[in-house]
Amino acid sequence: PLNSTSVFLAWLVPDPLNGILLGYELRFNPNDNSSDLHYRNFGFNETNASISDLMPFTFYTFQLRAFTGSRVYFYSNFSSPVVVRTDEGVPLSAPYDLSVRAINSMSLNITFLVPSSDTIQGILQGFAVQYWLSSKTNISRLISISAEHNYALLTNLRPWSFYTVRVRVRNSVSDGPFSKTAIARTSEGVPSLAPVNVSSYFTGPR
């Protein structure tokens, strides 16, 4: 493969030709799907080609045949199939059904559903979770979780505070788009400071 949407093919001129070589016909299809055949023609002097506009991280089967003739074309048999997989591409979809709930005053638990494998366009490496205090959108934290887990625990948070959370997929090439955000509030906690300036006043009779 050249990249996530292109492959390079090369071939030798058949011998003997048994006629005047006019060109070649290429037949290819994705994922061994015989109902999705594509064809391209090449001139007699071409012995290689770049095939583009393919789907990322997809197996393609290629077969080539030569044709001769003048008024009537004579086609050879197709070559033995060559199977090539395109490189990984950027993930197309984000995780969905993101849910966030408080565990205690300093922790939130998040869960989500993984998008379908064909939209990941590669090997799933894991997920990136971004979260921040909803009142401070300019400061955020980012954690990574493995591909085996569709959940995470956010810790060391502020008690009784709203947090905004979102998540995205990672493959070997890139991160995908972020999911829709979800907001949850941590539970109430123990007051961090004792009351100050405590005074007593005499209110009885003198």
Protein backbone atom coordinates (compact mmCIF):
# COMPACT_ATOMS: atom_id res chain seq x y z
CA PRO A 1 0.00 0.00 0.00
CA LEU A 2 0.99 3.61 -0.59
CA ASN A 3 -1.27 5.00 2.10
CA SER A 4 -4.74 4.49 3.57
CA THR A 5 -6.54 4.95 0.22
CA SER A 6 -3.98 3.90 -2.43
CA VAL A 7 -1.94 0.87 -3.48
CA PHE A 8 0.81 0.39 -6.07
CA LEU A 9 0.71 -2.48 -8.56
CA ALA A 10 3.36 -3.69 -11.02
CA TRP A 11 3.38 -6.52 -13.57
CA LEU A 12 5.37 -8.13 -16.39
CA VAL A 13 4.37 -8.31 -20.05
CA PRO A 14 3.01 -11.81 -20.84
CA ASP A 15 5.12 -13.99 -23.10
CA PRO A 16 4.20 -15.19 -25.64
CA LEU A 17 1.55 -12.62 -26.57
CA ASN A 18 0.16 -14.48 -29.59
CA GLY A 19 -0.90 -11.17 -31.12
CA ILE A 20 -0.53 -7.40 -30.86
CA LEU A 21 -0.81 -6.27 -27.25
CA LEU A 22 -3.41 -3.53 -26.87
CA GLY A 23 -3.61 -3.17 -23.12
CA TYR A 24 -4.60 -4.58 -19.76
CA GLU A 25 -7.78 -4.87 -17.76
CA LEU A 26 -7.62 -4.73 -13.97
CA ARG A 27 -10.38 -6.20 -11.83
CA PHE A 28 -10.54 -5.60 -8.07
CA ASN A 29 -12.95 -5.76 -5.18
CA PRO A 30 -12.90 -5.05 -1.42
CA ASN A 31 -13.06 -7.71 1.28
CA ASP A 32 -13.56 -10.54 -1.21
CA ASN A 33 -16.95 -9.07 -2.11
CA SER A 34 -17.65 -10.37 -5.63
CA SER A 35 -20.73 -8.16 -5.93
CA ASP A 36 -18.61 -5.00 -5.64
CA LEU A 37 -16.28 -5.40 -8.60
CA HIS A 38 -14.34 -2.49 -10.11
CA TYR A 39 -12.51 -2.36 -13.45
CA ARG A 40 -9.76 -0.17 -14.88
CA ASN A 41 -7.95 -0.32 -18.21
CA PHE A 42 -4.30 0.44 -18.94
CA GLY A 43 -2.34 0.95 -22.15
CA PHE A 44 -0.04 -1.62 -23.74
CA ASN A 45 3.08 0.28 -22.62
CA GLU A 46 2.10 0.44 -18.94
CA THR A 47 3.51 -2.08 -16.47
CA ASN A 48 2.56 -0.42 -13.18
CA ALA A 49 -0.22 1.69 -11.73
CA SER A 50 -1.33 3.47 -8.56
CA ILE A 51 -4.90 2.62 -7.62
CA SER A 52 -6.51 5.34 -5.51
CA ASP A 53 -9.86 6.21 -3.94
CA LEU A 54 -9.88 3.00 -1.91
CA MET A 55 -11.26 2.49 1.58
CA PRO A 56 -8.83 2.68 4.52
CA PHE A 57 -7.73 -0.48 6.34
CA THR A 58 -9.52 -2.71 3.84
CA PHE A 59 -8.40 -5.87 2.06
CA TYR A 60 -8.60 -5.65 -1.74
CA THR A 61 -8.21 -8.49 -4.23
CA PHE A 62 -6.58 -7.54 -7.57
CA GLN A 63 -6.45 -9.53 -10.82
CA LEU A 64 -5.06 -8.46 -14.19
CA ARG A 65 -5.44 -9.75 -17.75
CA ALA A 66 -4.01 -8.70 -21.12
CA PHE A 67 -5.91 -8.27 -24.37
CA THR A 68 -4.83 -8.34 -28.00
CA GLY A 69 -6.57 -7.96 -31.36
CA SER A 70 -7.70 -5.29 -33.77
CA ARG A 71 -11.37 -5.52 -34.72
CA VAL A 72 -12.03 -8.19 -32.13
CA TYR A 73 -10.41 -8.27 -28.70
CA PHE A 74 -8.91 -11.46 -27.34
CA TYR A 75 -8.55 -11.58 -23.56
CA SER A 76 -6.17 -13.75 -21.58
CA ASN A 77 -7.21 -15.39 -18.34
CA PHE A 78 -7.03 -13.24 -15.24
CA SER A 79 -3.86 -13.51 -13.20
CA SER A 80 -3.75 -15.18 -9.82
CA PRO A 81 -5.33 -12.91 -7.20
CA VAL A 82 -3.13 -10.54 -5.23
CA VAL A 83 -4.53 -9.43 -1.87
CA VAL A 84 -3.42 -6.11 -0.37
CA ARG A 85 -4.71 -4.20 2.64
CA THR A 86 -4.66 -0.43 2.64
CA ASP A 87 -3.09 1.39 5.57
CA GLU A 88 -5.02 2.62 8.60
CA GLY A 89 -6.92 5.89 8.35
CA VAL A 90 -8.21 8.50 10.77
CA PRO A 91 -11.16 7.20 12.85
CA LEU A 92 -14.47 8.51 11.58
CA SER A 93 -16.79 8.10 14.55
CA ALA A 94 -16.77 8.91 18.24
CA PRO A 95 -17.87 6.78 21.19
CA TYR A 96 -21.53 7.28 22.04
CA ASP A 97 -24.01 6.95 24.92
CA LEU A 98 -21.47 8.56 27.24
CA SER A 99 -22.68 8.39 30.84
CA VAL A 100 -21.12 10.08 33.88
CA ARG A 101 -22.17 9.60 37.50
CA ALA A 102 -20.76 10.51 40.88
CA ILE A 103 -19.08 7.81 42.98
CA ASN A 104 -18.28 10.08 45.90
CA SER A 105 -17.29 13.68 46.56
CA MET A 106 -14.01 13.38 44.63
CA SER A 107 -14.69 10.75 41.93
CA LEU A 108 -16.79 10.30 38.81
CA ASN A 109 -17.36 7.07 36.89
CA ILE A 110 -17.76 7.21 33.10
CA THR A 111 -19.01 4.57 30.68
CA PHE A 112 -19.56 4.67 26.92
CA LEU A 113 -20.20 2.50 23.88
CA VAL A 114 -17.52 1.83 21.26
CA PRO A 115 -18.30 2.79 17.62
CA SER A 116 -18.44 0.05 14.98
CA SER A 117 -15.10 -1.38 13.89
CA ASP A 118 -15.40 -0.22 10.27
CA THR A 119 -15.52 3.43 11.39
CA ILE A 120 -12.36 3.03 13.48
CA GLN A 121 -10.46 2.45 10.18
CA GLY A 122 -7.63 0.63 11.87
CA ILE A 123 -6.60 -1.27 14.99
CA LEU A 124 -8.22 0.13 18.11
CA GLN A 125 -5.45 1.24 20.47
CA GLY A 126 -7.58 2.77 23.21
CA PHE A 127 -9.48 5.88 24.19
CA ALA A 128 -8.66 9.40 25.31
CA VAL A 129 -10.86 10.95 28.00
CA GLN A 130 -10.84 14.71 28.44
CA TYR A 131 -12.52 16.40 31.39
CA TRP A 132 -12.62 19.79 33.07
CA LEU A 133 -14.43 21.85 35.65
CA SER A 134 -17.46 23.17 33.85
CA SER A 135 -16.75 26.61 35.27
CA LYS A 136 -13.17 26.63 33.90
CA THR A 137 -13.24 25.69 30.23
CA ASN A 138 -9.64 26.81 29.60
CA ILE A 139 -8.09 24.13 31.85
CA SER A 140 -8.61 20.43 31.16
CA ARG A 141 -7.08 17.04 31.92
CA LEU A 142 -6.57 14.13 29.54
CA ILE A 143 -6.24 10.46 30.46
CA SER A 144 -5.78 7.35 28.32
CA ILE A 145 -7.57 4.03 28.80
CA SER A 146 -6.91 0.72 27.07
CA ALA A 147 -8.90 -0.72 24.20
CA GLU A 148 -10.29 -3.44 26.50
CA HIS A 149 -12.14 -0.94 28.70
CA ASN A 150 -15.12 1.25 27.88
CA TYR A 151 -15.16 2.83 31.31
CA ALA A 152 -12.91 4.96 33.52
CA LEU A 153 -12.77 6.43 37.00
CA LEU A 154 -11.91 10.11 37.34
CA THR A 155 -10.38 10.83 40.74
CA ASN A 156 -9.01 13.72 42.80
CA LEU A 157 -11.87 15.98 41.78
CA ARG A 158 -13.40 18.86 43.70
CA PRO A 159 -16.37 18.04 45.90
CA TRP A 160 -19.82 19.28 44.91
CA SER A 161 -18.56 20.53 41.51
CA PHE A 162 -19.79 20.12 37.94
CA TYR A 163 -17.42 18.44 35.47
CA THR A 164 -17.70 18.21 31.70
CA VAL A 165 -16.43 14.99 30.06
CA ARG A 166 -15.88 13.76 26.51
CA VAL A 167 -14.05 10.80 24.95
CA ARG A 168 -12.57 9.76 21.61
CA VAL A 169 -11.12 6.70 19.87
CA ARG A 170 -7.45 6.11 19.12
CA ASN A 171 -5.97 3.85 16.44
CA SER A 172 -2.34 3.50 15.33
CA VAL A 173 -2.56 6.57 13.10
CA SER A 174 -4.57 9.21 14.91
CA ASP A 175 -7.27 10.16 17.37
CA GLY A 176 -10.83 10.36 16.12
CA PRO A 177 -13.45 13.04 16.79
CA PHE A 178 -14.64 13.67 20.34
CA SER A 179 -17.98 12.40 21.54
CA LYS A 180 -20.76 14.65 22.71
CA THR A 181 -20.04 16.05 26.14
CA ALA A 182 -21.68 14.86 29.34
CA ILE A 183 -21.89 16.78 32.61
CA ALA A 184 -22.12 15.43 36.14
CA ARG A 185 -21.63 16.77 39.65
CA THR A 186 -19.49 15.18 42.33
CA SER A 187 -21.16 14.43 45.65
CA GLU A 188 -21.15 16.71 48.63
CA GLY A 189 -18.14 16.58 50.90
CA VAL A 190 -17.03 17.58 54.36
CA PRO A 191 -16.47 21.35 54.65
CA SER A 192 -12.80 22.04 54.10
CA LEU A 193 -12.57 24.85 56.65
CA ALA A 194 -13.92 25.35 60.11
CA PRO A 195 -16.02 28.44 60.87
CA VAL A 196 -13.95 31.52 61.69
CA ASN A 197 -14.44 34.56 63.87
CA VAL A 198 -16.68 32.70 66.27
CA SER A 199 -17.79 35.04 69.04
CA SER A 200 -20.05 34.78 72.06
CA TYR A 201 -22.52 37.32 73.32
CA PHE A 202 -24.21 37.58 76.68
CA THR A 203 -27.94 37.78 76.17
CA GLY A 204 -29.20 37.14 79.72
CA PRO A 205 -30.40 39.69 82.32
CA ARG A 206 -27.86 41.95 84.03
